[in-house]
Structure formats: structure tokens, C-alpha cells
């Protein structure tokens, strides 16, 4: 996770080739929570505040490819 801006989570993911270790694909996404029935945006629960504050990226998860 790159971070949070209001009720939007900013995510980044890298997929690597397991044989060569080279970055095969990168994905950046901005995601929101939505009501399953109405699809209306909903506020992120406060539990996300603590989760974002306590996040750390393991060395194996450090970005190798595209930069944000």
C-alpha cells in the first residue's frame, strides 16, 4: 500500500518472474469501499488508520520496477 488519501487507498503491486527475478508487471490502483447493493461510496472504517500507520514493507516487497 502506498498510502491513504481520505477514503481512497493507493495500492501498488509488482509481479516478478520467479525464474529470472525480473519485474514482469506492475499495477497501481486507487480503491474505495462501496456498498455492495447500491455501489455508493462508503467511508473507510477507522481500523484502516491504524493499519496504514503500522504498515511496513518487507525487503522482498520493496519496489524494483516502475516508481510512483
PDB file of N, CA and C in Angstrom:
ATOM      1  N   UNK A   1       0.851  -1.162   0.000  1.00  0.00           N
ATOM      2  CA  UNK A   1       0.000   0.000   0.000  1.00  0.00           C
ATOM      3  C   UNK A   1       0.900   1.228   0.000  1.00  0.00           C
ATOM      4  N   UNK A   2       0.593   2.154  -0.894  1.00  0.00           N
ATOM      5  CA  UNK A   2       1.359   3.399  -0.956  1.00  0.00           C
ATOM      6  C   UNK A   2       0.874   4.387   0.083  1.00  0.00           C
ATOM      7  N   UNK A   3      -0.412   4.316   0.425  1.00  0.00           N
ATOM      8  CA  UNK A   3      -0.940   5.229   1.419  1.00  0.00           C
ATOM      9  C   UNK A   3      -2.446   5.382   1.301  1.00  0.00           C
ATOM     10  N   UNK A   4      -2.930   6.370   2.009  1.00  0.00           N
ATOM     11  CA  UNK A   4      -4.363   6.645   2.058  1.00  0.00           C
ATOM     12  C   UNK A   4      -4.578   8.140   1.902  1.00  0.00           C
ATOM     13  N   UNK A   5      -5.582   8.505   1.134  1.00  0.00           N
ATOM     14  CA  UNK A   5      -5.953   9.901   0.942  1.00  0.00           C
ATOM     15  C   UNK A   5      -7.455   9.979   1.174  1.00  0.00           C
ATOM     16  N   UNK A   6      -7.843  10.404   2.374  1.00  0.00           N
ATOM     17  CA  UNK A   6      -9.275  10.417   2.696  1.00  0.00           C
ATOM     18  C   UNK A   6      -9.819   9.008   2.709  1.00  0.00           C
ATOM     19  N   UNK A   7     -10.799   8.745   1.864  1.00  0.00           N
ATOM     20  CA  UNK A   7     -11.411   7.417   1.800  1.00  0.00           C
ATOM     21  C   UNK A   7     -10.895   6.592   0.623  1.00  0.00           C
ATOM     22  N   UNK A   8      -9.748   6.974   0.088  1.00  0.00           N
ATOM     23  CA  UNK A   8      -9.153   6.245  -1.031  1.00  0.00           C
ATOM     24  C   UNK A   8      -7.842   5.608  -0.589  1.00  0.00           C
ATOM     25  N   UNK A   9      -7.690   4.311  -0.875  1.00  0.00           N
ATOM     26  CA  UNK A   9      -6.432   3.618  -0.632  1.00  0.00           C
ATOM     27  C   UNK A   9      -5.649   3.595  -1.938  1.00  0.00           C
ATOM     28  N   UNK A  10      -4.353   3.879  -1.856  1.00  0.00           N
ATOM     29  CA  UNK A  10      -3.486   3.853  -3.028  1.00  0.00           C
ATOM     30  C   UNK A  10      -2.612   2.603  -2.919  1.00  0.00           C
ATOM     31  N   UNK A  11      -2.769   1.702  -3.881  1.00  0.00           N
ATOM     32  CA  UNK A  11      -2.083   0.418  -3.844  1.00  0.00           C
ATOM     33  C   UNK A  11      -1.084   0.291  -4.987  1.00  0.00           C
ATOM     34  N   UNK A  12      -0.034  -0.470  -4.772  1.00  0.00           N
ATOM     35  CA  UNK A  12       0.982  -0.752  -5.779  1.00  0.00           C
ATOM     36  C   UNK A  12       1.355  -2.223  -5.647  1.00  0.00           C
ATOM     37  N   UNK A  13       1.464  -2.897  -6.783  1.00  0.00           N
ATOM     38  CA  UNK A  13       1.840  -4.315  -6.757  1.00  0.00           C
ATOM     39  C   UNK A  13       2.797  -4.595  -7.896  1.00  0.00           C
ATOM     40  N   UNK A  14       3.789  -5.397  -7.615  1.00  0.00           N
ATOM     41  CA  UNK A  14       4.712  -5.858  -8.649  1.00  0.00           C
ATOM     42  C   UNK A  14       4.622  -7.367  -8.752  1.00  0.00           C
ATOM     43  N   UNK A  15       4.590  -7.844  -9.970  1.00  0.00           N
ATOM     44  CA  UNK A  15       4.644  -9.276 -10.228  1.00  0.00           C
ATOM     45  C   UNK A  15       6.004  -9.568 -10.837  1.00  0.00           C
ATOM     46  N   UNK A  16       6.695 -10.560 -10.292  1.00  0.00           N
ATOM     47  CA  UNK A  16       8.026 -10.875 -10.796  1.00  0.00           C
ATOM     48  C   UNK A  16       8.074 -12.263 -11.415  1.00  0.00           C
ATOM     49  N   UNK A  17       8.961 -12.404 -12.370  1.00  0.00           N
ATOM     50  CA  UNK A  17       9.219 -13.687 -12.987  1.00  0.00           C
ATOM     51  C   UNK A  17      10.018 -14.505 -11.984  1.00  0.00           C
ATOM     52  N   UNK A  18       9.477 -15.628 -11.545  1.00  0.00           N
ATOM     53  CA  UNK A  18      10.144 -16.410 -10.498  1.00  0.00           C
ATOM     54  C   UNK A  18      11.448 -17.032 -10.984  1.00  0.00           C
ATOM     55  N   UNK A  19      11.586 -17.254 -12.282  1.00  0.00           N
ATOM     56  CA  UNK A  19      12.815 -17.846 -12.802  1.00  0.00           C
ATOM     57  C   UNK A  19      13.953 -16.832 -12.863  1.00  0.00           C
ATOM     58  N   UNK A  20      13.644 -15.601 -13.315  1.00  0.00           N
ATOM     59  CA  UNK A  20      14.701 -14.609 -13.507  1.00  0.00           C
ATOM     60  C   UNK A  20      14.734 -13.531 -12.427  1.00  0.00           C
ATOM     61  N   UNK A  21      13.633 -13.357 -11.711  1.00  0.00           N
ATOM     62  CA  UNK A  21      13.550 -12.295 -10.724  1.00  0.00           C
ATOM     63  C   UNK A  21      13.219 -10.938 -11.322  1.00  0.00           C
ATOM     64  N   UNK A  22      13.078 -10.879 -12.651  1.00  0.00           N
ATOM     65  CA  UNK A  22      12.761  -9.614 -13.326  1.00  0.00           C
ATOM     66  C   UNK A  22      11.304  -9.232 -13.085  1.00  0.00           C
ATOM     67  N   UNK A  23      11.057  -7.931 -13.004  1.00  0.00           N
ATOM     68  CA  UNK A  23       9.693  -7.441 -12.861  1.00  0.00           C
ATOM     69  C   UNK A  23       8.951  -7.723 -14.161  1.00  0.00           C
ATOM     70  N   UNK A  24       7.829  -8.443 -14.061  1.00  0.00           N
ATOM     71  CA  UNK A  24       7.045  -8.796 -15.243  1.00  0.00           C
ATOM     72  C   UNK A  24       5.867  -7.851 -15.440  1.00  0.00           C
ATOM     73  N   UNK A  25       5.353  -7.283 -14.355  1.00  0.00           N
ATOM     74  CA  UNK A  25       4.206  -6.376 -14.455  1.00  0.00           C
ATOM     75  C   UNK A  25       4.117  -5.547 -13.183  1.00  0.00           C
ATOM     76  N   UNK A  26       3.576  -4.348 -13.335  1.00  0.00           N
ATOM     77  CA  UNK A  26       3.298  -3.505 -12.173  1.00  0.00           C
ATOM     78  C   UNK A  26       1.850  -3.042 -12.254  1.00  0.00           C
ATOM     79  N   UNK A  27       1.253  -2.847 -11.096  1.00  0.00           N
ATOM     80  CA  UNK A  27      -0.136  -2.407 -11.018  1.00  0.00           C
ATOM     81  C   UNK A  27      -0.223  -1.310  -9.965  1.00  0.00           C
ATOM     82  N   UNK A  28      -0.815  -0.183 -10.333  1.00  0.00           N
ATOM     83  CA  UNK A  28      -1.144   0.877  -9.383  1.00  0.00           C
ATOM     84  C   UNK A  28      -2.646   1.041  -9.421  1.00  0.00           C
ATOM     85  N   UNK A  29      -3.259   1.081  -8.257  1.00  0.00           N
ATOM     86  CA  UNK A  29      -4.716   1.210  -8.208  1.00  0.00           C
ATOM     87  C   UNK A  29      -5.123   2.124  -7.063  1.00  0.00           C
ATOM     88  N   UNK A  30      -6.128   2.921  -7.318  1.00  0.00           N
ATOM     89  CA  UNK A  30      -6.778   3.716  -6.279  1.00  0.00           C
ATOM     90  C   UNK A  30      -8.115   3.038  -6.025  1.00  0.00           C
ATOM     91  N   UNK A  31      -8.341   2.611  -4.800  1.00  0.00           N
ATOM     92  CA  UNK A  31      -9.552   1.850  -4.496  1.00  0.00           C
ATOM     93  C   UNK A  31     -10.368   2.529  -3.400  1.00  0.00           C
ATOM     94  N   UNK A  32     -11.675   2.337  -3.491  1.00  0.00           N
ATOM     95  CA  UNK A  32     -12.594   2.866  -2.482  1.00  0.00           C
ATOM     96  C   UNK A  32     -13.477   1.731  -1.994  1.00  0.00           C
ATOM     97  N   UNK A  33     -14.072   1.922  -0.850  1.00  0.00           N
ATOM     98  CA  UNK A  33     -15.049   0.992  -0.307  1.00  0.00           C
ATOM     99  C   UNK A  33     -16.413   1.410  -0.841  1.00  0.00           C
ATOM    100  N   UNK A  34     -17.188   0.450  -1.321  1.00  0.00           N
ATOM    101  CA  UNK A  34     -18.514   0.760  -1.852  1.00  0.00           C
ATOM    102  C   UNK A  34     -19.541  -0.205  -1.277  1.00  0.00           C
ATOM    103  N   UNK A  35     -20.757   0.273  -1.115  1.00  0.00           N
ATOM    104  CA  UNK A  35     -21.862  -0.557  -0.660  1.00  0.00           C
ATOM    105  C   UNK A  35     -22.133  -1.623  -1.720  1.00  0.00           C
ATOM    106  N   UNK A  36     -22.221  -2.874  -1.315  1.00  0.00           N
ATOM    107  CA  UNK A  36     -22.406  -3.974  -2.258  1.00  0.00           C
ATOM    108  C   UNK A  36     -23.735  -3.892  -3.002  1.00  0.00           C
ATOM    109  N   UNK A  37     -24.770  -3.368  -2.374  1.00  0.00           N
ATOM    110  CA  UNK A  37     -26.082  -3.304  -3.015  1.00  0.00           C
ATOM    111  C   UNK A  37     -26.250  -2.059  -3.874  1.00  0.00           C
ATOM    112  N   UNK A  38     -25.882  -0.906  -3.335  1.00  0.00           N
ATOM    113  CA  UNK A  38     -26.126   0.349  -4.046  1.00  0.00           C
ATOM    114  C   UNK A  38     -24.912   0.847  -4.818  1.00  0.00           C
ATOM    115  N   UNK A  39     -23.756   0.304  -4.515  1.00  0.00           N
ATOM    116  CA  UNK A  39     -22.480   0.725  -5.099  1.00  0.00           C
ATOM    117  C   UNK A  39     -22.108   2.171  -4.751  1.00  0.00           C
ATOM    118  N   UNK A  40     -22.786   2.725  -3.779  1.00  0.00           N
ATOM    119  CA  UNK A  40     -22.473   4.072  -3.313  1.00  0.00           C
ATOM    120  C   UNK A  40     -21.176   4.025  -2.509  1.00  0.00           C
ATOM    121  N   UNK A  41     -20.313   5.039  -2.677  1.00  0.00           N
ATOM    122  CA  UNK A  41     -19.077   5.076  -1.885  1.00  0.00           C
ATOM    123  C   UNK A  41     -19.385   5.129  -0.394  1.00  0.00           C
ATOM    124  N   UNK A  42     -18.541   4.467   0.390  1.00  0.00           N
ATOM    125  CA  UNK A  42     -18.686   4.474   1.850  1.00  0.00           C
ATOM    126  C   UNK A  42     -17.359   4.902   2.460  1.00  0.00           C
ATOM    127  N   UNK A  43     -17.440   5.469   3.637  1.00  0.00           N
ATOM    128  CA  UNK A  43     -16.230   5.865   4.354  1.00  0.00           C
ATOM    129  C   UNK A  43     -15.454   4.623   4.783  1.00  0.00           C
ATOM    130  N   UNK A  44     -14.127   4.720   4.728  1.00  0.00           N
ATOM    131  CA  UNK A  44     -13.308   3.610   5.217  1.00  0.00           C
ATOM    132  C   UNK A  44     -13.405   3.550   6.734  1.00  0.00           C
ATOM    133  N   UNK A  45     -13.531   2.358   7.298  1.00  0.00           N
ATOM    134  CA  UNK A  45     -13.566   2.226   8.753  1.00  0.00           C
ATOM    135  C   UNK A  45     -12.264   2.747   9.375  1.00  0.00           C
ATOM    136  N   UNK A  46     -12.339   3.217  10.592  1.00  0.00           N
ATOM    137  CA  UNK A  46     -11.163   3.774  11.264  1.00  0.00           C
ATOM    138  C   UNK A  46     -10.052   2.749  11.463  1.00  0.00           C
ATOM    139  N   UNK A  47     -10.376   1.466  11.378  1.00  0.00           N
ATOM    140  CA  UNK A  47      -9.348   0.428  11.525  1.00  0.00           C
ATOM    141  C   UNK A  47      -8.274   0.596  10.445  1.00  0.00           C
ATOM    142  N   UNK A  48      -8.604   1.201   9.304  1.00  0.00           N
ATOM    143  CA  UNK A  48      -7.615   1.422   8.254  1.00  0.00           C
ATOM    144  C   UNK A  48      -6.563   2.435   8.684  1.00  0.00           C
ATOM    145  N   UNK A  49      -6.926   3.398   9.523  1.00  0.00           N
ATOM    146  CA  UNK A  49      -5.957   4.378  10.004  1.00  0.00           C
ATOM    147  C   UNK A  49      -4.807   3.682  10.726  1.00  0.00           C
ATOM    148  N   UNK A  50      -5.149   2.780  11.620  1.00  0.00           N
ATOM    149  CA  UNK A  50      -4.129   2.046  12.373  1.00  0.00           C
ATOM    150  C   UNK A  50      -3.332   1.127  11.456  1.00  0.00           C
ATOM    151  N   UNK A  51      -4.016   0.469  10.538  1.00  0.00           N
ATOM    152  CA  UNK A  51      -3.324  -0.440   9.621  1.00  0.00           C
ATOM    153  C   UNK A  51      -2.310   0.310   8.764  1.00  0.00           C
ATOM    154  N   UNK A  52      -2.696   1.463   8.238  1.00  0.00           N
ATOM    155  CA  UNK A  52      -1.782   2.256   7.412  1.00  0.00           C
ATOM    156  C   UNK A  52      -0.606   2.745   8.250  1.00  0.00           C
ATOM    157  N   UNK A  53      -0.866   3.195   9.469  1.00  0.00           N
ATOM    158  CA  UNK A  53       0.192   3.704  10.335  1.00  0.00           C
ATOM    159  C   UNK A  53       1.198   2.617  10.708  1.00  0.00           C
ATOM    160  N   UNK A  54       0.758   1.372  10.795  1.00  0.00           N
ATOM    161  CA  UNK A  54       1.620   0.276  11.229  1.00  0.00           C
ATOM    162  C   UNK A  54       2.207  -0.535  10.085  1.00  0.00           C
ATOM    163  N   UNK A  55       1.993  -0.089   8.852  1.00  0.00           N
ATOM    164  CA  UNK A  55       2.477  -0.855   7.707  1.00  0.00           C
ATOM    165  C   UNK A  55       3.976  -0.727   7.555  1.00  0.00           C
ATOM    166  N   UNK A  56       4.587  -1.822   7.192  1.00  0.00           N
ATOM    167  CA  UNK A  56       5.991  -1.812   6.800  1.00  0.00           C
ATOM    168  C   UNK A  56       6.124  -2.763   5.619  1.00  0.00           C
ATOM    169  N   UNK A  57       7.071  -2.479   4.757  1.00  0.00           N
ATOM    170  CA  UNK A  57       7.275  -3.311   3.574  1.00  0.00           C
ATOM    171  C   UNK A  57       8.488  -4.196   3.809  1.00  0.00           C
ATOM    172  N   UNK A  58       8.321  -5.511   3.732  1.00  0.00           N
ATOM    173  CA  UNK A  58       9.479  -6.389   3.888  1.00  0.00           C
ATOM    174  C   UNK A  58      10.450  -6.176   2.732  1.00  0.00           C
ATOM    175  N   UNK A  59      11.726  -6.500   2.938  1.00  0.00           N
ATOM    176  CA  UNK A  59      12.741  -6.294   1.891  1.00  0.00           C
ATOM    177  C   UNK A  59      12.330  -6.955   0.579  1.00  0.00           C
ATOM    178  N   UNK A  60      11.717  -8.134   0.645  1.00  0.00           N
ATOM    179  CA  UNK A  60      11.299  -8.824  -0.578  1.00  0.00           C
ATOM    180  C   UNK A  60      10.179  -8.065  -1.292  1.00  0.00           C
ATOM    181  N   UNK A  61       9.483  -7.197  -0.578  1.00  0.00           N
ATOM    182  CA  UNK A  61       8.382  -6.448  -1.182  1.00  0.00           C
ATOM    183  C   UNK A  61       8.775  -5.060  -1.643  1.00  0.00           C
ATOM    184  N   UNK A  62      10.039  -4.689  -1.500  1.00  0.00           N
ATOM    185  CA  UNK A  62      10.482  -3.361  -1.933  1.00  0.00           C
ATOM    186  C   UNK A  62      10.332  -3.227  -3.434  1.00  0.00           C
ATOM    187  N   UNK A  63       9.872  -2.072  -3.885  1.00  0.00           N
ATOM    188  CA  UNK A  63       9.664  -1.852  -5.319  1.00  0.00           C
ATOM    189  C   UNK A  63      10.970  -1.953  -6.080  1.00  0.00           C
ATOM    190  N   UNK A  64      10.918  -2.649  -7.197  1.00  0.00           N
ATOM    191  CA  UNK A  64      12.087  -2.800  -8.045  1.00  0.00           C
ATOM    192  C   UNK A  64      11.874  -2.152  -9.403  1.00  0.00           C
ATOM    193  N   UNK A  65      10.651  -2.086  -9.857  1.00  0.00           N
ATOM    194  CA  UNK A  65      10.347  -1.604 -11.211  1.00  0.00           C
ATOM    195  C   UNK A  65       9.931  -0.160 -11.238  1.00  0.00           C
ATOM    196  N   UNK A  66       8.763   0.099 -11.805  1.00  0.00           N
ATOM    197  CA  UNK A  66       8.267   1.454 -12.002  1.00  0.00           C
ATOM    198  C   UNK A  66       8.172   2.193 -10.677  1.00  0.00           C
ATOM    199  N   UNK A  67       8.508   3.435 -10.680  1.00  0.00           N
ATOM    200  CA  UNK A  67       8.429   4.275  -9.491  1.00  0.00           C
ATOM    201  C   UNK A  67       7.140   5.063  -9.532  1.00  0.00           C
ATOM    202  N   UNK A  68       6.651   5.436  -8.346  1.00  0.00           N
ATOM    203  CA  UNK A  68       5.416   6.210  -8.269  1.00  0.00           C
ATOM    204  C   UNK A  68       5.705   7.676  -8.402  1.00  0.00           C
TER     205      UNK A  68
END
